[in-house]
C-alpha atoms as a PDB file:
ATOM      1  CA  MET A   1       0.000   0.000   0.000  1.00  0.00           C
ATOM      2  CA  THR A   2       1.292   3.452  -0.894  1.00  0.00           C
ATOM      3  CA  TYR A   3       0.258   6.784   0.611  1.00  0.00           C
ATOM      4  CA  THR A   4       0.025  10.321  -0.708  1.00  0.00           C
ATOM      5  CA  VAL A   5       0.378  13.027   1.920  1.00  0.00           C
ATOM      6  CA  ASP A   6      -2.290  15.732   1.902  1.00  0.00           C
ATOM      7  CA  ARG A   7      -1.272  17.932   4.819  1.00  0.00           C
ATOM      8  CA  LEU A   8       0.650  18.102   8.070  1.00  0.00           C
ATOM      9  CA  ILE A   9      -1.284  18.012  11.350  1.00  0.00           C
ATOM     10  CA  PRO A  10       0.486  19.815  14.224  1.00  0.00           C
ATOM     11  CA  THR A  11       1.550  17.541  17.079  1.00  0.00           C
ATOM     12  CA  MET A  12       4.077  17.233  19.898  1.00  0.00           C
ATOM     13  CA  ALA A  13       7.819  17.254  19.265  1.00  0.00           C
ATOM     14  CA  GLY A  14       9.342  13.887  18.415  1.00  0.00           C
ATOM     15  CA  SER A  15       6.640  12.781  15.987  1.00  0.00           C
ATOM     16  CA  THR A  16       4.882  13.880  12.836  1.00  0.00           C
ATOM     17  CA  VAL A  17       1.242  13.356  11.917  1.00  0.00           C
ATOM     18  CA  HIS A  18      -0.055  13.675   8.363  1.00  0.00           C
ATOM     19  CA  LEU A  19      -3.457  13.382   6.792  1.00  0.00           C
ATOM     20  CA  ALA A  20      -2.996  11.269   3.674  1.00  0.00           C
ATOM     21  CA  HIS A  21      -4.851   8.962   1.336  1.00  0.00           C
ATOM     22  CA  ASP A  22      -3.913   5.452   0.338  1.00  0.00           C
ATOM     23  CA  SER A  23      -3.758   3.962  -3.142  1.00  0.00           C
ATOM     24  CA  ASN A  24      -7.464   3.095  -2.887  1.00  0.00           C
ATOM     25  CA  GLY A  25      -8.355   6.719  -2.165  1.00  0.00           C
ATOM     26  CA  SER A  26      -9.226   6.163   1.513  1.00  0.00           C
ATOM     27  CA  ALA A  27      -8.234   8.913   3.947  1.00  0.00           C
ATOM     28  CA  VAL A  28      -5.760   7.803   6.607  1.00  0.00           C
ATOM     29  CA  ILE A  29      -3.604   9.220   9.382  1.00  0.00           C
ATOM     30  CA  LEU A  30       0.149   8.612   9.218  1.00  0.00           C
ATOM     31  CA  LYS A  31       1.855   8.862  12.601  1.00  0.00           C
ATOM     32  CA  ARG A  32       5.634   8.682  12.326  1.00  0.00           C
ATOM     33  CA  ALA A  33       8.120   8.684  15.207  1.00  0.00           C
ATOM     34  CA  GLN A  34      11.302  10.716  14.858  1.00  0.00           C
ATOM     35  CA  THR A  35      13.061   9.696  18.078  1.00  0.00           C
ATOM     36  CA  PRO A  36      13.555   6.369  19.890  1.00  0.00           C
ATOM     37  CA  ALA A  37      11.322   7.557  22.741  1.00  0.00           C
ATOM     38  CA  ALA A  38       8.567   8.514  20.310  1.00  0.00           C
ATOM     39  CA  ALA A  39       8.926   5.149  18.564  1.00  0.00           C
ATOM     40  CA  ALA A  40       8.462   3.365  21.896  1.00  0.00           C
ATOM     41  CA  ASP A  41       5.349   5.438  22.608  1.00  0.00           C
ATOM     42  CA  LEU A  42       3.999   4.688  19.139  1.00  0.00           C
ATOM     43  CA  ALA A  43       4.556   0.963  19.605  1.00  0.00           C
ATOM     44  CA  GLY A  44       2.817   1.076  22.985  1.00  0.00           C
ATOM     45  CA  TYR A  45      -0.121   2.952  21.495  1.00  0.00           C
ATOM     46  CA  ALA A  46      -0.458   0.417  18.682  1.00  0.00           C
ATOM     47  CA  ARG A  47      -0.208  -2.496  21.096  1.00  0.00           C
ATOM     48  CA  GLN A  48      -2.961  -1.037  23.264  1.00  0.00           C
ATOM     49  CA  LEU A  49      -5.200  -0.474  20.231  1.00  0.00           C
ATOM     50  CA  GLN A  50      -4.626  -3.997  18.979  1.00  0.00           C
ATOM     51  CA  ARG A  51      -5.216  -5.674  22.337  1.00  0.00           C
ATOM     52  CA  LEU A  52      -8.365  -3.716  23.112  1.00  0.00           C
ATOM     53  CA  GLY A  53      -9.567  -4.417  19.591  1.00  0.00           C
ATOM     54  CA  GLU A  54      -9.463  -8.126  20.425  1.00  0.00           C
ATOM     55  CA  ILE A  55     -11.980  -7.721  23.268  1.00  0.00           C
ATOM     56  CA  PRO A  56     -15.458  -7.874  21.679  1.00  0.00           C
ATOM     57  CA  SER A  57     -17.230  -5.473  24.038  1.00  0.00           C
ATOM     58  CA  ALA A  58     -14.402  -2.924  23.834  1.00  0.00           C
ATOM     59  CA  ALA A  59     -13.450  -3.227  20.159  1.00  0.00           C
ATOM     60  CA  PRO A  60     -16.129  -0.893  18.705  1.00  0.00           C
ATOM     61  CA  PHE A  61     -14.495   2.095  20.425  1.00  0.00           C
ATOM     62  CA  TYR A  62     -11.049   1.694  18.849  1.00  0.00           C
ATOM     63  CA  PRO A  63      -9.754   2.332  15.325  1.00  0.00           C
ATOM     64  CA  PRO A  64      -8.147  -0.611  13.558  1.00  0.00           C
ATOM     65  CA  VAL A  65      -4.392  -0.560  13.069  1.00  0.00           C
ATOM     66  CA  LEU A  66      -4.038  -0.464   9.287  1.00  0.00           C
ATOM     67  CA  ARG A  67      -0.258  -0.699   9.238  1.00  0.00           C
ATOM     68  CA  LEU A  68       2.523  -0.803  11.816  1.00  0.00           C
ATOM     69  CA  GLU A  69       6.256  -0.503  11.237  1.00  0.00           C
ATOM     70  CA  ASP A  70       9.146   0.428  13.516  1.00  0.00           C
ATOM     71  CA  ASP A  71       8.450   4.147  13.244  1.00  0.00           C
ATOM     72  CA  LEU A  72       5.091   4.303  11.437  1.00  0.00           C
ATOM     73  CA  LEU A  73       1.492   3.761  12.499  1.00  0.00           C
ATOM     74  CA  VAL A  74      -1.356   4.090  10.002  1.00  0.00           C
ATOM     75  CA  LEU A  75      -4.919   4.570  11.247  1.00  0.00           C
ATOM     76  CA  PRO A  76      -8.236   5.508   9.639  1.00  0.00           C
ATOM     77  CA  TYR A  77      -9.106   9.185   9.370  1.00  0.00           C
ATOM     78  CA  TYR A  78     -12.418  10.235  10.918  1.00  0.00           C
ATOM     79  CA  SER A  79     -13.757  13.190   8.979  1.00  0.00           C
ATOM     80  CA  HIS A  80     -16.601  13.954  11.384  1.00  0.00           C
ATOM     81  CA  GLY A  81     -14.193  15.470  13.866  1.00  0.00           C
ATOM     82  CA  SER A  82     -13.541  15.176  17.567  1.00  0.00           C
ATOM     83  CA  LEU A  83     -15.875  15.353  20.511  1.00  0.00           C
ATOM     84  CA  ASP A  84     -14.234  18.656  21.405  1.00  0.00           C
ATOM     85  CA  ALA A  85     -15.547  20.201  18.186  1.00  0.00           C
ATOM     86  CA  GLN A  86     -19.099  19.068  18.982  1.00  0.00           C
ATOM     87  CA  GLY A  87     -19.282  21.708  21.695  1.00  0.00           C
ATOM     88  CA  ALA A  88     -19.900  24.282  18.982  1.00  0.00           C
ATOM     89  CA  GLY A  89     -23.287  22.705  18.273  1.00  0.00           C
ATOM     90  CA  ASP A  90     -26.314  21.711  20.306  1.00  0.00           C
ATOM     91  CA  ARG A  91     -25.401  21.540  23.998  1.00  0.00           C
ATOM     92  CA  ALA A  92     -27.770  18.690  24.829  1.00  0.00           C
ATOM     93  CA  ALA A  93     -26.262  16.569  22.057  1.00  0.00           C
ATOM     94  CA  PHE A  94     -22.775  17.503  23.240  1.00  0.00           C
ATOM     95  CA  VAL A  95     -23.530  16.449  26.826  1.00  0.00           C
ATOM     96  CA  ARG A  96     -25.038  13.193  25.583  1.00  0.00           C
ATOM     97  CA  LEU A  97     -21.911  12.345  23.599  1.00  0.00           C
ATOM     98  CA  VAL A  98     -19.575  13.214  26.473  1.00  0.00           C
ATOM     99  CA  GLY A  99     -21.713  11.024  28.716  1.00  0.00           C
ATOM    100  CA  GLN A 100     -21.391   8.147  26.264  1.00  0.00           C
ATOM    101  CA  ALA A 101     -17.614   8.553  26.199  1.00  0.00           C
ATOM    102  CA  VAL A 102     -17.311   8.671  29.993  1.00  0.00           C
ATOM    103  CA  ASP A 103     -19.584   5.658  30.353  1.00  0.00           C
ATOM    104  CA  ALA A 104     -17.510   3.734  27.801  1.00  0.00           C
ATOM    105  CA  VAL A 105     -14.268   4.456  29.681  1.00  0.00           C
ATOM    106  CA  PHE A 106     -15.685   3.098  32.932  1.00  0.00           C
ATOM    107  CA  THR A 107     -17.506   0.183  31.306  1.00  0.00           C
ATOM    108  CA  ILE A 108     -14.380  -0.970  29.469  1.00  0.00           C
ATOM    109  CA  SER A 109     -12.252  -0.494  32.583  1.00  0.00           C
ATOM    110  CA  ALA A 110     -14.622  -2.689  34.588  1.00  0.00           C
ATOM    111  CA  LEU A 111     -14.213  -5.625  32.185  1.00  0.00           C
ATOM    112  CA  HIS A 112     -11.067  -6.722  34.042  1.00  0.00           C
ATOM    113  CA  SER A 113      -9.363  -5.949  37.363  1.00  0.00           C
ATOM    114  CA  MET A 114      -5.596  -6.132  37.669  1.00  0.00           C
ATOM    115  CA  PRO A 115      -4.798  -9.300  39.664  1.00  0.00           C
ATOM    116  CA  ALA A 116      -2.001  -7.564  41.604  1.00  0.00           C
ATOM    117  CA  GLY A 117      -4.667  -5.692  43.565  1.00  0.00           C
ATOM    118  CA  VAL A 118      -4.707  -2.431  45.486  1.00  0.00           C
ATOM    119  CA  ASP A 119      -0.979  -2.411  46.278  1.00  0.00           C
ATOM    120  CA  ALA A 120      -0.174  -2.318  42.560  1.00  0.00           C
ATOM    121  CA  ALA A 121      -2.744   0.435  42.087  1.00  0.00           C
ATOM    122  CA  ARG A 122      -1.063   2.525  44.788  1.00  0.00           C
ATOM    123  CA  ALA A 123       2.320   1.970  43.134  1.00  0.00           C
ATOM    124  CA  PHE A 124       0.771   3.091  39.836  1.00  0.00           C
ATOM    125  CA  TRP A 125      -0.519   6.323  41.350  1.00  0.00           C
ATOM    126  CA  ARG A 126       2.797   6.998  43.053  1.00  0.00           C
ATOM    127  CA  SER A 127       4.613   6.607  39.742  1.00  0.00           C
ATOM    128  CA  GLN A 128       2.211   9.043  38.089  1.00  0.00           C
ATOM    129  CA  LEU A 129       3.171  11.818  40.504  1.00  0.00           C
ATOM    130  CA  VAL A 130       6.875  10.991  40.762  1.00  0.00           C
ATOM    131  CA  SER A 131       7.412  10.796  36.994  1.00  0.00           C
ATOM    132  CA  ARG A 132       5.814  14.199  36.452  1.00  0.00           C
ATOM    133  CA  PHE A 133       7.715  15.761  39.340  1.00  0.00           C
ATOM    134  CA  ASP A 134      10.975  14.385  37.935  1.00  0.00           C
ATOM    135  CA  ARG A 135      10.045  15.775  34.524  1.00  0.00           C
ATOM    136  CA  LEU A 136       9.495  19.200  36.068  1.00  0.00           C
ATOM    137  CA  LYS A 137      12.889  19.101  37.785  1.00  0.00           C
ATOM    138  CA  ALA A 138      14.495  18.156  34.474  1.00  0.00           C
ATOM    139  CA  THR A 139      13.269  21.441  32.971  1.00  0.00           C
ATOM    140  CA  GLY A 140      15.445  23.337  35.447  1.00  0.00           C
ATOM    141  CA  ALA A 141      12.450  24.812  37.245  1.00  0.00           C
ATOM    142  CA  SER A 142      12.968  25.539  40.924  1.00  0.00           C
ATOM    143  CA  VAL A 143      11.013  23.147  43.128  1.00  0.00           C
ATOM    144  CA  ALA A 144      12.046  24.855  46.364  1.00  0.00           C
ATOM    145  CA  GLU A 145       9.097  27.279  46.289  1.00  0.00           C
ATOM    146  CA  PRO A 146       5.350  26.641  46.551  1.00  0.00           C
ATOM    147  CA  PRO A 147       3.444  24.934  45.113  1.00  0.00           C
ATOM    148  CA  PHE A 148       6.217  22.561  44.038  1.00  0.00           C
ATOM    149  CA  SER A 149       7.804  22.490  47.494  1.00  0.00           C
ATOM    150  CA  THR A 150       4.508  21.143  48.824  1.00  0.00           C
ATOM    151  CA  ILE A 151       4.750  18.133  46.535  1.00  0.00           C
ATOM    152  CA  SER A 152       8.406  17.662  47.409  1.00  0.00           C
ATOM    153  CA  GLY A 153       7.397  17.638  51.065  1.00  0.00           C
ATOM    154  CA  TRP A 154       4.714  15.032  50.426  1.00  0.00           C
ATOM    155  CA  LEU A 155       7.258  12.689  48.895  1.00  0.00           C
ATOM    156  CA  ALA A 156       9.984  13.289  51.476  1.00  0.00           C
ATOM    157  CA  SER A 157       7.753  12.943  54.529  1.00  0.00           C
ATOM    158  CA  GLY A 158       5.736   9.913  53.500  1.00  0.00           C
ATOM    159  CA  TYR A 159       2.536  11.971  53.509  1.00  0.00           C
ATOM    160  CA  PHE A 160       1.870  11.092  49.880  1.00  0.00           C
ATOM    161  CA  ASP A 161       1.809   7.392  50.742  1.00  0.00           C
ATOM    162  CA  GLN A 162      -0.723   8.159  53.475  1.00  0.00           C
ATOM    163  CA  LEU A 163      -2.834   9.935  50.867  1.00  0.00           C
ATOM    164  CA  LEU A 164      -2.643   6.895  48.625  1.00  0.00           C
ATOM    165  CA  ASP A 165      -3.709   4.588  51.453  1.00  0.00           C
ATOM    166  CA  ALA A 166      -6.899   6.630  51.789  1.00  0.00           C
ATOM    167  CA  ALA A 167      -7.501   7.383  48.118  1.00  0.00           C
ATOM    168  CA  VAL A 168      -6.682   4.141  46.308  1.00  0.00           C
ATOM    169  CA  THR A 169      -9.351   1.677  47.345  1.00  0.00           C
ATOM    170  CA  ARG A 170      -9.670  -0.648  44.359  1.00  0.00           C
ATOM    171  CA  PRO A 171      -7.395  -2.370  41.832  1.00  0.00           C
ATOM    172  CA  LEU A 172      -6.608  -0.898  38.446  1.00  0.00           C
ATOM    173  CA  GLY A 173      -8.985  -1.687  35.625  1.00  0.00           C
ATOM    174  CA  LEU A 174      -8.501  -2.203  31.925  1.00  0.00           C
ATOM    175  CA  ALA A 175      -6.784   0.793  30.295  1.00  0.00           C
ATOM    176  CA  ALA A 176      -9.646   2.166  28.226  1.00  0.00           C
ATOM    177  CA  HIS A 177      -7.770   5.343  27.322  1.00  0.00           C
ATOM    178  CA  GLY A 178      -5.054   7.040  29.372  1.00  0.00           C
ATOM    179  CA  ASP A 179      -5.209  10.521  27.811  1.00  0.00           C
ATOM    180  CA  PHE A 180      -8.924  11.174  27.933  1.00  0.00           C
ATOM    181  CA  GLY A 181      -9.373  14.624  26.440  1.00  0.00           C
ATOM    182  CA  LEU A 182     -12.336  15.484  24.256  1.00  0.00           C
ATOM    183  CA  ASN A 183      -9.924  16.020  21.357  1.00  0.00           C
ATOM    184  CA  ASN A 184      -8.945  12.351  21.679  1.00  0.00           C
ATOM    185  CA  VAL A 185     -12.469  11.067  21.093  1.00  0.00           C
ATOM    186  CA  MET A 186     -13.495  11.015  17.436  1.00  0.00           C
ATOM    187  CA  LEU A 187     -16.827  10.484  15.698  1.00  0.00           C
ATOM    188  CA  ALA A 188     -16.957   7.752  13.075  1.00  0.00           C
ATOM    189  CA  ALA A 189     -20.426   8.917  11.983  1.00  0.00           C
ATOM    190  CA  PRO A 190     -22.311  12.204  12.383  1.00  0.00           C
ATOM    191  CA  GLY A 191     -23.280  12.543  16.040  1.00  0.00           C
ATOM    192  CA  SER A 192     -22.439   8.952  16.971  1.00  0.00           C
ATOM    193  CA  GLU A 193     -20.002   6.002  16.900  1.00  0.00           C
ATOM    194  CA  LEU A 194     -17.219   7.150  19.207  1.00  0.00           C
ATOM    195  CA  ARG A 195     -13.607   6.153  18.580  1.00  0.00           C
ATOM    196  CA  PHE A 196     -10.840   6.600  21.154  1.00  0.00           C
ATOM    197  CA  ILE A 197      -7.519   7.792  19.727  1.00  0.00           C
ATOM    198  CA  ASP A 198      -4.109   8.819  21.091  1.00  0.00           C
ATOM    199  CA  LEU A 199      -4.252   6.338  23.938  1.00  0.00           C
ATOM    200  CA  ARG A 200      -1.562   6.633  26.576  1.00  0.00           C
ATOM    201  CA  GLY A 201       0.377   3.641  25.252  1.00  0.00           C
ATOM    202  CA  ALA A 202       2.876   3.716  28.137  1.00  0.00           C
ATOM    203  CA  THR A 203       0.482   1.936  30.491  1.00  0.00           C
ATOM    204  CA  PRO A 204       1.416  -0.862  32.900  1.00  0.00           C
ATOM    205  CA  TRP A 205       0.993  -4.276  31.300  1.00  0.00           C
ATOM    206  CA  ALA A 206       0.378  -7.592  33.042  1.00  0.00           C
ATOM    207  CA  ASP A 207      -1.245 -10.815  31.858  1.00  0.00           C
ATOM    208  CA  ASP A 208      -1.122  -9.404  28.311  1.00  0.00           C
ATOM    209  CA  LEU A 209      -3.493  -6.564  29.225  1.00  0.00           C
ATOM    210  CA  PRO A 210      -2.953  -2.819  29.731  1.00  0.00           C
ATOM    211  CA  TRP A 211      -4.027  -1.357  33.092  1.00  0.00           C
ATOM    212  CA  TRP A 212      -5.162   2.093  34.207  1.00  0.00           C
ATOM    213  CA  ASP A 213      -7.485   3.866  36.617  1.00  0.00           C
ATOM    214  CA  PRO A 214     -10.539   5.418  34.940  1.00  0.00           C
ATOM    215  CA  ILE A 215     -10.667   7.998  37.735  1.00  0.00           C
ATOM    216  CA  LEU A 216      -7.400   9.370  36.332  1.00  0.00           C
ATOM    217  CA  ASP A 217      -9.090   9.595  32.931  1.00  0.00           C
ATOM    218  CA  LEU A 218     -11.950  11.504  34.552  1.00  0.00           C
ATOM    219  CA  ALA A 219      -9.382  13.783  36.209  1.00  0.00           C
ATOM    220  CA  THR A 220      -7.740  14.345  32.818  1.00  0.00           C
ATOM    221  CA  LEU A 221     -11.039  15.413  31.282  1.00  0.00           C
ATOM    222  CA  ILE A 222     -11.785  17.849  34.119  1.00  0.00           C
ATOM    223  CA  THR A 223      -8.229  19.192  34.198  1.00  0.00           C
ATOM    224  CA  PHE A 224      -8.052  20.122  30.551  1.00  0.00           C
ATOM    225  CA  HIS A 225     -11.676  20.912  29.724  1.00  0.00           C
ATOM    226  CA  CYS A 226     -12.464  22.859  32.895  1.00  0.00           C
ATOM    227  CA  ARG A 227      -9.091  24.176  34.077  1.00  0.00           C
ATOM    228  CA  ILE A 228      -6.188  24.380  31.648  1.00  0.00           C
ATOM    229  CA  GLU A 229      -7.975  25.165  28.390  1.00  0.00           C
ATOM    230  CA  PRO A 230      -9.964  28.079  29.871  1.00  0.00           C
ATOM    231  CA  ALA A 231      -6.866  29.387  31.671  1.00  0.00           C
ATOM    232  CA  LEU A 232      -4.784  29.397  28.502  1.00  0.00           C
ATOM    233  CA  GLY A 233      -7.563  30.369  26.120  1.00  0.00           C
ATOM    234  CA  VAL A 234      -7.519  34.117  26.610  1.00  0.00           C
ATOM    235  CA  ARG A 235      -4.762  36.613  27.276  1.00  0.00           C
ATOM    236  CA  ASP A 236      -5.769  40.255  27.655  1.00  0.00           C
ATOM    237  CA  GLY A 237      -8.999  39.504  25.855  1.00  0.00           C
ATOM    238  CA  ILE A 238      -7.257  37.805  22.922  1.00  0.00           C
ATOM    239  CA  ALA A 239      -7.679  34.096  22.214  1.00  0.00           C
ATOM    240  CA  VAL A 240      -4.269  32.439  22.059  1.00  0.00           C
ATOM    241  CA  SER A 241      -5.139  28.767  21.690  1.00  0.00           C
ATOM    242  CA  GLY A 242      -8.094  28.584  19.361  1.00  0.00           C
ATOM    243  CA  PRO A 243     -11.780  29.473  19.519  1.00  0.00           C
ATOM    244  CA  HIS A 244     -13.513  29.310  22.873  1.00  0.00           C
ATOM    245  CA  ASN A 245     -17.146  29.710  21.888  1.00  0.00           C
ATOM    246  CA  ARG A 246     -17.876  26.026  22.433  1.00  0.00           C
ATOM    247  CA  ALA A 247     -20.150  24.520  25.031  1.00  0.00           C
ATOM    248  CA  THR A 248     -18.409  23.659  28.276  1.00  0.00           C
ATOM    249  CA  LEU A 249     -19.195  21.306  31.106  1.00  0.00           C
ATOM    250  CA  THR A 250     -18.497  22.081  34.740  1.00  0.00           C
ATOM    251  CA  PRO A 251     -16.542  19.633  36.921  1.00  0.00           C
ATOM    252  CA  ASP A 252     -19.765  18.726  38.743  1.00  0.00           C
ATOM    253  CA  GLU A 253     -21.499  17.991  35.442  1.00  0.00           C
ATOM    254  CA  ILE A 254     -18.629  15.748  34.369  1.00  0.00           C
ATOM    255  CA  VAL A 255     -18.592  13.930  37.712  1.00  0.00           C
ATOM    256  CA  ALA A 256     -22.343  13.367  37.380  1.00  0.00           C
ATOM    257  CA  LEU A 257     -21.645  11.404  34.180  1.00  0.00           C
ATOM    258  CA  CYS A 258     -19.557   8.881  36.125  1.00  0.00           C
ATOM    259  CA  PRO A 259     -21.489   5.591  36.535  1.00  0.00           C
ATOM    260  CA  PRO A 260     -22.786   5.115  40.113  1.00  0.00           C
ATOM    261  CA  SER A 261     -21.973   1.426  39.764  1.00  0.00           C
ATOM    262  CA  TRP A 262     -18.313   2.456  39.949  1.00  0.00           C
ATOM    263  CA  THR A 263     -18.336   5.191  42.573  1.00  0.00           C
ATOM    264  CA  ASP A 264     -20.718   3.402  44.959  1.00  0.00           C
ATOM    265  CA  GLY A 265     -18.143   0.670  45.505  1.00  0.00           C
ATOM    266  CA  ASP A 266     -15.089   2.927  45.586  1.00  0.00           C
ATOM    267  CA  PRO A 267     -14.915   4.979  48.813  1.00  0.00           C
ATOM    268  CA  GLY A 268     -11.690   6.750  47.854  1.00  0.00           C
ATOM    269  CA  TRP A 269     -12.738   7.862  44.385  1.00  0.00           C
ATOM    270  CA  ARG A 270     -13.341  11.551  45.120  1.00  0.00           C
ATOM    271  CA  LEU A 271     -10.013  12.020  46.896  1.00  0.00           C
ATOM    272  CA  ARG A 272      -8.315  10.110  44.084  1.00  0.00           C
ATOM    273  CA  LEU A 273     -10.026  12.305  41.507  1.00  0.00           C
ATOM    274  CA  GLN A 274      -8.605  15.454  43.079  1.00  0.00           C
ATOM    275  CA  LEU A 275      -5.198  13.832  43.352  1.00  0.00           C
ATOM    276  CA  GLY A 276      -5.437  13.038  39.641  1.00  0.00           C
ATOM    277  CA  ILE A 277      -6.215  16.681  38.883  1.00  0.00           C
ATOM    278  CA  VAL A 278      -3.094  17.718  40.815  1.00  0.00           C
ATOM    279  CA  ILE A 279      -1.004  15.180  38.887  1.00  0.00           C
ATOM    280  CA  ARG A 280      -2.299  16.229  35.483  1.00  0.00           C
ATOM    281  CA  ILE A 281      -1.818  19.949  36.165  1.00  0.00           C
ATOM    282  CA  LEU A 282       1.701  19.256  37.446  1.00  0.00           C
ATOM    283  CA  GLY A 283       2.488  17.483  34.183  1.00  0.00           C
ATOM    284  CA  SER A 284       1.171  20.411  32.176  1.00  0.00           C
ATOM    285  CA  VAL A 285       3.574  22.840  33.863  1.00  0.00           C
ATOM    286  CA  SER A 286       6.487  20.966  32.279  1.00  0.00           C
ATOM    287  CA  VAL A 287       4.723  20.883  28.917  1.00  0.00           C
ATOM    288  CA  GLN A 288       4.217  24.655  28.975  1.00  0.00           C
ATOM    289  CA  LEU A 289       7.864  25.226  29.898  1.00  0.00           C
ATOM    290  CA  THR A 290       9.261  23.002  27.151  1.00  0.00           C
ATOM    291  CA  SER A 291       6.702  22.683  24.356  1.00  0.00           C
ATOM    292  CA  ALA A 292       4.269  25.614  24.334  1.00  0.00           C
ATOM    293  CA  PRO A 293       4.347  27.365  20.942  1.00  0.00           C
ATOM    294  CA  ILE A 294       4.226  30.861  22.487  1.00  0.00           C
ATOM    295  CA  ASP A 295       4.484  32.647  25.834  1.00  0.00           C
ATOM    296  CA  ARG A 296       6.029  29.711  27.684  1.00  0.00           C
ATOM    297  CA  GLU A 297       6.740  31.622  30.874  1.00  0.00           C
ATOM    298  CA  ALA A 298       3.296  33.214  31.039  1.00  0.00           C
ATOM    299  CA  ARG A 299       1.500  29.977  30.215  1.00  0.00           C
ATOM    300  CA  SER A 300       3.483  27.963  32.754  1.00  0.00           C
ATOM    301  CA  GLY A 301       2.721  30.659  35.321  1.00  0.00           C
ATOM    302  CA  ARG A 302      -1.012  30.332  34.743  1.00  0.00           C
ATOM    303  CA  VAL A 303      -0.859  26.562  35.024  1.00  0.00           C
ATOM    304  CA  THR A 304       1.264  26.825  38.182  1.00  0.00           C
ATOM    305  CA  HIS A 305      -1.485  28.981  39.690  1.00  0.00           C
ATOM    306  CA  LEU A 306      -3.981  26.243  38.826  1.00  0.00           C
ATOM    307  CA  LEU A 307      -1.709  23.761  40.593  1.00  0.00           C
ATOM    308  CA  THR A 308      -1.784  25.871  43.752  1.00  0.00           C
ATOM    309  CA  GLN A 309      -5.578  25.897  43.640  1.00  0.00           C
ATOM    310  CA  ALA A 310      -5.751  22.139  43.058  1.00  0.00           C
ATOM    311  CA  ILE A 311      -3.425  21.418  45.991  1.00  0.00           C
ATOM    312  CA  ASP A 312      -5.538  23.688  48.206  1.00  0.00           C
ATOM    313  CA  GLU A 313      -8.666  21.780  47.197  1.00  0.00           C
ATOM    314  CA  LEU A 314      -6.945  18.479  47.957  1.00  0.00           C
ATOM    315  CA  SER A 315      -6.010  19.819  51.390  1.00  0.00           C
ATOM    316  CA  ARG A 316      -9.638  20.740  52.060  1.00  0.00           C
ATOM    317  CA  LEU A 317     -10.744  17.213  51.198  1.00  0.00           C
ATOM    318  CA  THR A 318      -8.301  15.693  53.686  1.00  0.00           C
ATOM    319  CA  ARG A 319      -9.170  17.879  56.686  1.00  0.00           C
END
């Protein structure tokens, strides 16, 4: 199969993404890694897609892998756009689609529980914070001042492990996504047929299955849709990261979409959700410092302020 490139789609450093068409005229996405780290991420993403595609009740939500090479992944192109773009239309339809996506994440996650149990889940959550904190330190940012010094204190004192004892109350589930933003949910048909793209890829694997906590996916959705995107969307009245006239959901509205069948049996879920918001905002500080296209210092400053607020909210939940 040969491909003709139509246009470049902007993406993170280390990879390229192109819209193309194959020799049969079908539109496809070409994702190509340009570094060894990006190639490893691409392979993990493809593996997750392929494995989830083998599970009948999960398969409808994932695009088929059309081609996989060492540095190339080819996927179908979905011309009906992302769930994020649906916010520009009817709000009721938008809320319905977001609800379907959230329900799918939790339903797929519940298909399997990681046999290693709660201890492995706590180790997973610890690694999520530590890896992002290490990434921040690697940027050269000072972690001796708040809010970063607060996180450093958590890790040094053992307080973070106490938080995990209270917050992590069930094993990991099947990794339904891992980077659950509305821009990573596509429509395969007008107003329906959701497809999950840009999965985390670098998820823990055991027993030939990928594992994750859907509460962290819920935290990702709240963090970006309700916190980071609004904070970075306007500077002095000027939009700097795209149009912001789309429908938005509040954190409470998003939480209300979470299936009661999950939260009713998970006493630590709300504390874990706020911890996930802290973790995701912390990760975004590094992204703004190293990868933002403009105004890196200003953007990282806004996200750092969000981190302070998120840590304060976590403190209120633990009093």
